[in-house]
N, C-alpha and C. Protein backbone atom coordinates (compact mmCIF):
# COMPACT_ATOMS: atom_id res chain seq x y z
N MET A 1 -6.71 -20.43 0.19
CA MET A 1 -6.42 -19.27 1.00
C MET A 1 -6.74 -19.36 2.42
N GLY A 2 -7.49 -20.37 2.77
CA GLY A 2 -7.99 -20.54 4.15
C GLY A 2 -6.98 -20.96 5.21
N ASN A 3 -5.77 -21.44 4.76
CA ASN A 3 -4.91 -21.94 5.84
C ASN A 3 -4.30 -20.72 6.61
N ILE A 4 -4.02 -20.91 7.83
CA ILE A 4 -3.54 -19.88 8.71
C ILE A 4 -2.04 -19.77 8.55
N PRO A 5 -1.50 -18.53 8.45
CA PRO A 5 -0.05 -18.37 8.37
C PRO A 5 0.68 -18.83 9.66
N SER A 6 1.73 -19.47 9.44
CA SER A 6 2.57 -19.89 10.64
C SER A 6 3.13 -18.72 11.33
N LEU A 7 3.65 -18.97 12.58
CA LEU A 7 4.35 -17.90 13.33
C LEU A 7 5.55 -17.40 12.54
N ALA A 8 6.27 -18.32 11.90
CA ALA A 8 7.42 -17.95 11.09
C ALA A 8 6.98 -16.99 9.88
N ASP A 9 5.85 -17.25 9.25
CA ASP A 9 5.33 -16.40 8.25
C ASP A 9 5.00 -15.01 8.71
N ILE A 10 4.40 -14.99 9.92
CA ILE A 10 4.00 -13.68 10.56
C ILE A 10 5.32 -12.98 10.90
N ARG A 11 6.20 -13.60 11.46
CA ARG A 11 7.54 -13.00 11.86
C ARG A 11 8.21 -12.32 10.66
N LYS A 12 8.18 -13.08 9.52
CA LYS A 12 8.79 -12.61 8.34
C LYS A 12 8.17 -11.32 7.81
N ALA A 13 6.78 -11.38 7.88
CA ALA A 13 6.00 -10.18 7.41
C ALA A 13 6.31 -9.06 8.34
N VAL A 14 6.40 -9.16 9.63
CA VAL A 14 6.75 -8.12 10.58
C VAL A 14 8.08 -7.50 10.24
N PHE A 15 9.03 -8.37 9.98
CA PHE A 15 10.42 -7.82 9.77
C PHE A 15 10.69 -7.41 8.41
N GLU A 16 9.75 -7.58 7.42
CA GLU A 16 9.82 -7.10 6.10
C GLU A 16 9.37 -5.61 5.96
N ILE A 17 8.57 -5.19 6.91
CA ILE A 17 7.97 -3.80 6.98
C ILE A 17 9.07 -2.86 7.26
N ILE A 18 9.26 -1.79 6.50
CA ILE A 18 10.35 -0.88 6.62
C ILE A 18 10.15 -0.13 7.96
N LEU A 19 11.32 0.19 8.55
CA LEU A 19 11.32 0.77 9.87
C LEU A 19 10.73 2.25 9.83
N ASP A 20 10.88 2.99 8.76
CA ASP A 20 10.34 4.35 8.79
C ASP A 20 8.91 4.39 8.34
N SER A 21 8.28 3.29 8.29
CA SER A 21 6.86 3.21 7.99
C SER A 21 6.09 4.01 9.14
N ALA A 22 5.19 4.90 8.79
CA ALA A 22 4.54 5.79 9.78
C ALA A 22 3.63 5.02 10.60
N ALA A 23 3.54 5.44 11.91
CA ALA A 23 2.66 4.77 12.83
C ALA A 23 1.25 5.16 12.61
N GLY A 24 0.30 4.32 13.01
CA GLY A 24 -1.08 4.60 12.81
C GLY A 24 -1.72 5.24 14.01
N PRO A 25 -3.02 5.18 14.16
CA PRO A 25 -3.73 5.86 15.30
C PRO A 25 -3.41 5.34 16.62
N ASP A 26 -2.91 4.03 16.70
CA ASP A 26 -2.51 3.50 18.04
C ASP A 26 -1.19 3.97 18.47
N SER A 27 -0.45 4.65 17.59
CA SER A 27 0.94 5.22 17.85
C SER A 27 2.05 4.18 18.04
N PHE A 28 1.74 2.90 17.82
CA PHE A 28 2.86 1.91 17.86
C PHE A 28 3.51 1.88 16.50
N SER A 29 4.86 1.87 16.54
CA SER A 29 5.59 1.87 15.27
C SER A 29 5.99 0.42 14.98
N ILE A 30 6.51 0.13 13.74
CA ILE A 30 7.00 -1.17 13.41
C ILE A 30 8.25 -1.41 14.20
N PHE A 31 9.02 -0.39 14.63
CA PHE A 31 10.20 -0.58 15.52
C PHE A 31 9.74 -1.24 16.82
N PHE A 32 8.61 -0.84 17.39
CA PHE A 32 8.13 -1.48 18.63
C PHE A 32 7.86 -2.97 18.33
N TYR A 33 7.09 -3.27 17.26
CA TYR A 33 6.74 -4.64 16.95
C TYR A 33 7.96 -5.53 16.76
N GLN A 34 9.04 -4.95 16.07
CA GLN A 34 10.23 -5.74 15.75
C GLN A 34 11.07 -5.91 17.03
N SER A 35 11.22 -4.83 17.83
CA SER A 35 12.07 -4.95 18.97
C SER A 35 11.38 -5.75 20.17
N CYS A 36 10.09 -5.78 20.17
CA CYS A 36 9.38 -6.59 21.22
C CYS A 36 8.76 -7.85 20.74
N TRP A 37 9.24 -8.31 19.59
CA TRP A 37 8.66 -9.46 18.95
C TRP A 37 8.51 -10.70 19.91
N ASP A 38 9.52 -10.90 20.66
CA ASP A 38 9.52 -12.15 21.58
C ASP A 38 8.35 -12.05 22.60
N PHE A 39 7.97 -10.85 22.94
CA PHE A 39 6.92 -10.67 23.94
C PHE A 39 5.48 -10.61 23.32
N ILE A 40 5.37 -10.13 22.08
CA ILE A 40 4.08 -9.95 21.42
C ILE A 40 3.73 -10.98 20.33
N ALA A 41 4.65 -11.83 20.08
CA ALA A 41 4.43 -12.75 18.85
C ALA A 41 3.21 -13.59 19.04
N GLN A 42 2.90 -14.12 20.18
CA GLN A 42 1.73 -14.95 20.34
C GLN A 42 0.38 -14.12 20.18
N GLU A 43 0.42 -12.89 20.59
CA GLU A 43 -0.80 -12.01 20.47
C GLU A 43 -1.03 -11.76 19.00
N ILE A 44 0.11 -11.47 18.24
CA ILE A 44 0.02 -11.14 16.85
C ILE A 44 -0.48 -12.38 16.05
N PHE A 45 0.04 -13.53 16.44
CA PHE A 45 -0.38 -14.80 15.87
C PHE A 45 -1.87 -15.03 16.01
N GLU A 46 -2.33 -14.74 17.17
CA GLU A 46 -3.79 -14.89 17.49
C GLU A 46 -4.67 -13.94 16.67
N VAL A 47 -4.18 -12.76 16.47
CA VAL A 47 -4.97 -11.68 15.62
C VAL A 47 -4.99 -12.28 14.19
N ALA A 48 -3.83 -12.80 13.67
CA ALA A 48 -3.74 -13.29 12.29
C ALA A 48 -4.64 -14.52 12.20
N ARG A 49 -4.59 -15.38 13.22
CA ARG A 49 -5.41 -16.62 13.12
C ARG A 49 -6.92 -16.23 13.12
N ASP A 50 -7.27 -15.29 13.94
CA ASP A 50 -8.72 -14.89 13.90
C ASP A 50 -9.10 -14.23 12.54
N PHE A 51 -8.24 -13.50 12.03
CA PHE A 51 -8.47 -12.87 10.69
C PHE A 51 -8.61 -13.85 9.61
N PHE A 52 -7.70 -14.82 9.53
CA PHE A 52 -7.74 -15.82 8.49
C PHE A 52 -8.82 -16.90 8.71
N CYS A 53 -9.33 -17.04 9.92
CA CYS A 53 -10.52 -17.93 10.17
C CYS A 53 -11.81 -17.24 10.02
N GLY A 54 -11.82 -15.97 9.67
CA GLY A 54 -13.03 -15.19 9.35
C GLY A 54 -13.69 -14.53 10.62
N THR A 55 -13.03 -14.58 11.73
CA THR A 55 -13.55 -13.93 12.98
C THR A 55 -13.51 -12.47 12.77
N PRO A 56 -14.63 -11.76 12.97
CA PRO A 56 -14.57 -10.36 12.89
C PRO A 56 -13.67 -9.70 13.81
N LEU A 57 -12.87 -8.69 13.29
CA LEU A 57 -11.84 -8.03 14.16
C LEU A 57 -12.47 -6.83 14.68
N PRO A 58 -12.14 -6.39 15.90
CA PRO A 58 -12.58 -5.08 16.36
C PRO A 58 -11.87 -3.99 15.68
N PRO A 59 -12.55 -3.17 14.86
CA PRO A 59 -11.89 -2.17 14.07
C PRO A 59 -11.00 -1.18 14.78
N ARG A 60 -11.44 -0.82 16.07
CA ARG A 60 -10.72 0.09 16.78
C ARG A 60 -9.34 -0.41 17.14
N ASN A 61 -9.17 -1.65 17.31
CA ASN A 61 -7.86 -2.27 17.76
C ASN A 61 -7.00 -2.51 16.48
N VAL A 62 -7.50 -2.99 15.41
CA VAL A 62 -6.67 -3.57 14.36
C VAL A 62 -6.82 -2.76 13.13
N LEU A 63 -7.98 -2.42 12.70
CA LEU A 63 -8.16 -1.91 11.37
C LEU A 63 -8.25 -0.33 11.35
N ALA A 64 -8.08 0.27 12.46
CA ALA A 64 -8.26 1.80 12.49
C ALA A 64 -7.15 2.41 11.62
N THR A 65 -7.65 3.48 10.89
CA THR A 65 -6.81 4.23 10.00
C THR A 65 -7.12 5.62 10.15
N THR A 66 -6.06 6.48 10.07
CA THR A 66 -6.26 7.97 10.06
C THR A 66 -5.87 8.45 8.68
N ILE A 67 -6.68 9.29 8.14
CA ILE A 67 -6.35 9.88 6.85
C ILE A 67 -5.83 11.27 7.12
N ALA A 68 -4.60 11.60 6.60
CA ALA A 68 -4.05 12.81 6.72
C ALA A 68 -3.88 13.52 5.36
N LEU A 69 -4.06 14.83 5.32
CA LEU A 69 -3.89 15.52 4.02
C LEU A 69 -2.54 16.18 3.99
N ILE A 70 -1.80 15.90 2.94
CA ILE A 70 -0.41 16.43 2.72
C ILE A 70 -0.49 17.49 1.56
N PRO A 71 0.02 18.65 1.86
CA PRO A 71 -0.02 19.63 0.82
C PRO A 71 0.95 19.28 -0.36
N ILE A 72 0.54 19.56 -1.58
CA ILE A 72 1.45 19.26 -2.67
C ILE A 72 2.05 20.51 -3.15
N ILE A 73 1.66 21.68 -2.75
CA ILE A 73 2.18 23.02 -3.07
C ILE A 73 2.41 23.84 -1.88
N GLU A 74 3.19 24.91 -2.00
CA GLU A 74 3.35 25.81 -0.85
C GLU A 74 2.08 26.62 -0.73
N SER A 75 1.66 26.86 0.53
CA SER A 75 0.45 27.69 0.76
C SER A 75 -0.78 27.22 -0.01
N PRO A 76 -1.23 26.02 0.24
CA PRO A 76 -2.40 25.50 -0.48
C PRO A 76 -3.70 26.26 -0.13
N SER A 77 -4.49 26.47 -1.19
CA SER A 77 -5.71 27.30 -0.98
C SER A 77 -7.06 26.58 -1.30
N SER A 78 -6.88 25.33 -1.84
CA SER A 78 -8.11 24.56 -2.08
C SER A 78 -7.75 23.01 -1.85
N TRP A 79 -8.83 22.27 -1.72
CA TRP A 79 -8.71 20.84 -1.46
C TRP A 79 -7.89 20.13 -2.48
N SER A 80 -7.95 20.58 -3.75
CA SER A 80 -7.12 19.91 -4.76
C SER A 80 -5.66 20.14 -4.62
N ASN A 81 -5.28 20.99 -3.66
CA ASN A 81 -3.84 21.15 -3.42
C ASN A 81 -3.24 20.20 -2.35
N PHE A 82 -4.12 19.27 -1.97
CA PHE A 82 -3.74 18.28 -0.97
C PHE A 82 -3.88 16.84 -1.56
N ARG A 83 -3.05 15.97 -1.03
CA ARG A 83 -3.16 14.52 -1.44
C ARG A 83 -3.34 13.77 -0.04
N PRO A 84 -4.29 12.80 -0.10
CA PRO A 84 -4.51 12.02 1.18
C PRO A 84 -3.52 10.95 1.34
N ILE A 85 -3.16 10.70 2.60
CA ILE A 85 -2.34 9.57 2.89
C ILE A 85 -3.02 8.76 4.07
N SER A 86 -3.04 7.45 4.01
CA SER A 86 -3.75 6.69 5.04
C SER A 86 -2.61 6.26 6.00
N LEU A 87 -2.78 6.47 7.35
CA LEU A 87 -1.93 6.06 8.39
C LEU A 87 -2.55 4.84 9.06
N CYS A 88 -2.14 3.64 8.79
CA CYS A 88 -2.75 2.43 9.30
C CYS A 88 -1.88 1.88 10.53
N ASN A 89 -2.63 1.22 11.40
CA ASN A 89 -1.96 0.55 12.55
C ASN A 89 -1.04 -0.55 11.91
N VAL A 90 0.05 -0.80 12.65
CA VAL A 90 0.96 -1.81 12.16
C VAL A 90 0.33 -3.14 12.07
N SER A 91 -0.59 -3.46 12.98
CA SER A 91 -1.22 -4.79 12.93
C SER A 91 -2.04 -4.91 11.65
N ASN A 92 -2.62 -3.81 11.16
CA ASN A 92 -3.25 -3.76 9.89
C ASN A 92 -2.33 -4.02 8.74
N LYS A 93 -1.10 -3.40 8.80
CA LYS A 93 -0.04 -3.61 7.81
C LYS A 93 0.45 -5.07 7.78
N ILE A 94 0.55 -5.65 8.97
CA ILE A 94 0.95 -7.01 8.94
C ILE A 94 -0.07 -7.95 8.28
N LEU A 95 -1.31 -7.70 8.61
CA LEU A 95 -2.42 -8.55 8.08
C LEU A 95 -2.42 -8.32 6.51
N THR A 96 -2.21 -7.07 6.11
CA THR A 96 -2.22 -6.77 4.69
C THR A 96 -1.11 -7.52 3.93
N LYS A 97 0.05 -7.45 4.60
CA LYS A 97 1.23 -8.16 4.00
C LYS A 97 1.01 -9.66 3.90
N LEU A 98 0.50 -10.26 5.00
CA LEU A 98 0.15 -11.70 4.95
C LEU A 98 -0.84 -12.03 3.89
N LEU A 99 -1.89 -11.16 3.68
CA LEU A 99 -2.87 -11.40 2.61
C LEU A 99 -2.28 -11.28 1.26
N TYR A 100 -1.39 -10.29 1.07
CA TYR A 100 -0.68 -10.12 -0.13
C TYR A 100 0.11 -11.33 -0.52
N LYS A 101 0.82 -11.90 0.42
CA LYS A 101 1.66 -13.05 0.17
C LYS A 101 0.79 -14.20 -0.27
N LYS A 102 -0.41 -14.33 0.30
CA LYS A 102 -1.29 -15.44 -0.14
C LYS A 102 -1.84 -15.17 -1.52
N LEU A 103 -2.21 -13.99 -1.79
CA LEU A 103 -2.70 -13.61 -3.19
C LEU A 103 -1.66 -13.63 -4.24
N GLU A 104 -0.44 -13.43 -3.80
CA GLU A 104 0.70 -13.43 -4.74
C GLU A 104 0.77 -14.64 -5.64
N LYS A 105 0.42 -15.78 -5.04
CA LYS A 105 0.48 -17.05 -5.65
C LYS A 105 -0.58 -17.11 -6.86
N ILE A 106 -1.72 -16.43 -6.73
CA ILE A 106 -2.70 -16.48 -7.84
C ILE A 106 -2.63 -15.22 -8.74
N ARG A 107 -1.87 -14.28 -8.37
CA ARG A 107 -1.83 -13.05 -9.04
C ARG A 107 -1.51 -13.20 -10.51
N PRO A 108 -0.61 -13.97 -11.03
CA PRO A 108 -0.30 -14.03 -12.39
C PRO A 108 -1.50 -14.46 -13.24
N SER A 109 -2.37 -15.26 -12.71
CA SER A 109 -3.56 -15.69 -13.46
C SER A 109 -4.74 -14.81 -13.41
N THR A 110 -4.63 -13.70 -12.52
CA THR A 110 -5.86 -12.86 -12.32
C THR A 110 -5.58 -11.47 -12.82
N ILE A 111 -4.28 -11.09 -13.06
CA ILE A 111 -4.01 -9.63 -13.46
C ILE A 111 -3.66 -9.70 -15.01
N SER A 112 -4.21 -8.82 -15.71
CA SER A 112 -3.93 -8.75 -17.20
C SER A 112 -2.46 -8.43 -17.43
N LEU A 113 -1.97 -8.94 -18.49
CA LEU A 113 -0.58 -8.61 -18.97
C LEU A 113 -0.34 -7.17 -19.13
N SER A 114 -1.35 -6.39 -19.53
CA SER A 114 -1.16 -4.99 -19.71
C SER A 114 -1.14 -4.13 -18.42
N GLN A 115 -1.52 -4.83 -17.28
CA GLN A 115 -1.52 -4.11 -15.98
C GLN A 115 -0.03 -4.03 -15.43
N ASN A 116 0.45 -2.91 -15.24
CA ASN A 116 1.82 -2.66 -14.84
C ASN A 116 1.97 -2.01 -13.48
N GLY A 117 0.98 -1.35 -12.98
CA GLY A 117 1.15 -0.75 -11.69
C GLY A 117 1.11 -1.74 -10.59
N PHE A 118 1.97 -1.62 -9.65
CA PHE A 118 2.08 -2.43 -8.48
C PHE A 118 2.30 -3.88 -8.73
N VAL A 119 2.89 -4.19 -9.92
CA VAL A 119 3.30 -5.53 -10.24
C VAL A 119 4.77 -5.73 -10.23
N PRO A 120 5.32 -6.56 -9.40
CA PRO A 120 6.80 -6.63 -9.35
C PRO A 120 7.38 -6.88 -10.76
N GLY A 121 8.42 -6.12 -11.02
CA GLY A 121 9.12 -6.25 -12.30
C GLY A 121 8.48 -5.45 -13.40
N CYS A 122 7.42 -4.75 -13.13
CA CYS A 122 6.75 -3.90 -14.20
C CYS A 122 6.80 -2.48 -13.72
N LEU A 123 6.75 -1.61 -14.70
CA LEU A 123 6.76 -0.12 -14.36
C LEU A 123 5.49 0.44 -15.05
N ILE A 124 4.78 1.30 -14.22
CA ILE A 124 3.57 1.87 -14.84
C ILE A 124 3.91 2.68 -16.07
N GLY A 125 5.03 3.29 -16.11
CA GLY A 125 5.52 4.07 -17.25
C GLY A 125 5.51 3.20 -18.54
N ASP A 126 5.57 1.91 -18.41
CA ASP A 126 5.58 1.06 -19.62
C ASP A 126 4.23 1.25 -20.32
N ASN A 127 3.17 1.61 -19.59
CA ASN A 127 1.82 1.80 -20.26
C ASN A 127 1.94 2.96 -21.25
N ILE A 128 2.72 3.94 -20.92
CA ILE A 128 2.78 5.10 -21.81
C ILE A 128 3.44 4.73 -23.09
N LEU A 129 4.50 3.86 -23.06
CA LEU A 129 5.14 3.39 -24.30
C LEU A 129 4.18 2.53 -25.09
N PHE A 130 3.48 1.68 -24.33
CA PHE A 130 2.44 0.78 -25.01
C PHE A 130 1.38 1.56 -25.73
N ALA A 131 0.85 2.67 -24.99
CA ALA A 131 -0.19 3.53 -25.62
C ALA A 131 0.36 4.17 -26.84
N GLN A 132 1.62 4.64 -26.76
CA GLN A 132 2.20 5.42 -27.98
C GLN A 132 2.36 4.46 -29.11
N GLU A 133 2.81 3.23 -28.91
CA GLU A 133 2.91 2.24 -29.89
C GLU A 133 1.59 1.86 -30.46
N MET A 134 0.51 1.74 -29.73
CA MET A 134 -0.80 1.47 -30.26
C MET A 134 -1.27 2.59 -31.11
N ILE A 135 -1.11 3.83 -30.64
CA ILE A 135 -1.52 5.00 -31.42
C ILE A 135 -0.76 5.10 -32.68
N HIS A 136 0.53 4.86 -32.64
CA HIS A 136 1.36 4.98 -33.88
C HIS A 136 0.96 3.92 -34.88
N SER A 137 0.61 2.67 -34.49
CA SER A 137 0.30 1.62 -35.43
C SER A 137 -1.14 1.62 -35.83
N ASN A 138 -2.14 2.19 -35.07
CA ASN A 138 -3.53 2.01 -35.28
C ASN A 138 -4.28 3.28 -35.55
N CYS A 139 -3.75 4.47 -35.33
CA CYS A 139 -4.54 5.68 -35.32
C CYS A 139 -3.94 6.66 -36.35
N LYS A 140 -3.69 6.26 -37.55
CA LYS A 140 -3.10 7.20 -38.61
C LYS A 140 -4.19 8.20 -38.88
N GLY A 141 -3.80 9.50 -38.89
CA GLY A 141 -4.78 10.56 -39.25
C GLY A 141 -5.66 10.97 -38.17
N LYS A 142 -5.40 10.51 -36.88
CA LYS A 142 -6.29 10.87 -35.77
C LYS A 142 -5.43 11.65 -34.77
N VAL A 143 -6.11 12.28 -33.79
CA VAL A 143 -5.47 13.08 -32.77
C VAL A 143 -5.75 12.54 -31.48
N VAL A 144 -4.68 12.40 -30.59
CA VAL A 144 -4.81 11.96 -29.21
C VAL A 144 -4.22 13.03 -28.33
N MET A 145 -4.98 13.33 -27.22
CA MET A 145 -4.54 14.31 -26.27
C MET A 145 -4.45 13.76 -24.92
N LYS A 146 -3.29 14.08 -24.16
CA LYS A 146 -3.11 13.70 -22.85
C LYS A 146 -3.52 14.97 -21.90
N LEU A 147 -4.54 14.87 -21.14
CA LEU A 147 -4.92 15.95 -20.36
C LEU A 147 -4.85 15.72 -18.90
N ASP A 148 -4.56 16.77 -18.07
CA ASP A 148 -4.63 16.78 -16.62
C ASP A 148 -3.81 15.63 -15.98
N MET A 149 -2.62 15.44 -16.44
CA MET A 149 -1.71 14.39 -15.90
C MET A 149 -1.38 14.65 -14.40
N SER A 150 -1.55 15.91 -13.93
CA SER A 150 -1.15 16.17 -12.56
C SER A 150 -2.14 15.44 -11.61
N LYS A 151 -3.30 15.16 -12.04
CA LYS A 151 -4.32 14.44 -11.20
C LYS A 151 -4.05 13.02 -11.26
N ALA A 152 -3.38 12.43 -12.24
CA ALA A 152 -3.16 10.98 -12.36
C ALA A 152 -2.22 10.34 -11.41
N TYR A 153 -1.33 11.09 -10.81
CA TYR A 153 -0.33 10.56 -9.93
C TYR A 153 -0.32 11.39 -8.67
N VAL A 154 0.00 10.71 -7.60
CA VAL A 154 0.02 11.40 -6.28
C VAL A 154 1.39 12.13 -6.27
N ARG A 155 1.34 13.38 -5.90
CA ARG A 155 2.56 14.20 -5.82
C ARG A 155 2.70 14.68 -4.34
N VAL A 156 3.94 14.68 -3.91
CA VAL A 156 4.16 15.05 -2.51
C VAL A 156 5.15 16.25 -2.51
N LEU A 157 4.90 17.21 -1.64
CA LEU A 157 5.83 18.26 -1.45
C LEU A 157 6.93 17.79 -0.45
N TRP A 158 8.06 17.38 -1.00
CA TRP A 158 9.09 16.65 -0.19
C TRP A 158 9.53 17.58 0.92
N SER A 159 9.68 18.86 0.68
CA SER A 159 10.18 19.72 1.76
C SER A 159 9.28 19.67 3.04
N PHE A 160 7.91 19.53 2.79
CA PHE A 160 7.03 19.38 3.89
C PHE A 160 7.32 18.15 4.71
N LEU A 161 7.49 17.04 4.03
CA LEU A 161 7.84 15.77 4.67
C LEU A 161 9.09 15.80 5.38
N TYR A 162 10.14 16.49 4.89
CA TYR A 162 11.43 16.55 5.51
C TYR A 162 11.28 17.36 6.80
N ALA A 163 10.40 18.49 6.72
CA ALA A 163 10.21 19.28 7.87
C ALA A 163 9.54 18.66 9.00
N VAL A 164 8.63 17.65 8.67
CA VAL A 164 7.88 16.98 9.68
C VAL A 164 8.76 15.84 10.23
């Protein structure tokens, strides 16, 4: 994992980030990074090099994140009516993508076969089918209850996002 990503690897990571990805606290969008790539490529390479060499990064410049609360219902009246979303600087997103690419090579040997969330080609809903099959074959004469599923998944009030 210690090798430094090449400029080509970094460029690929930058151009893989979707354009409507929200800007972080520094207000620079991925559109800025992509359209100004020829001017900022060396700076981004140096940040990535420092990161992968273990040099501490100044959090204010690279790792700053703003947490925003998004209402999940109309007229929210308690904290449970909001879901948090993290708005990270694009430089943070680039480093995360580069790190993900490196970890992707060892992922199959470190993640259980029953883990389906955030694994390419797998659906988290497959776990429901797996659980039902396990219950059906192993729990004759027993009761199983699913409770409070609204807390299990992040829900977003889409009309709020469209209005913003």
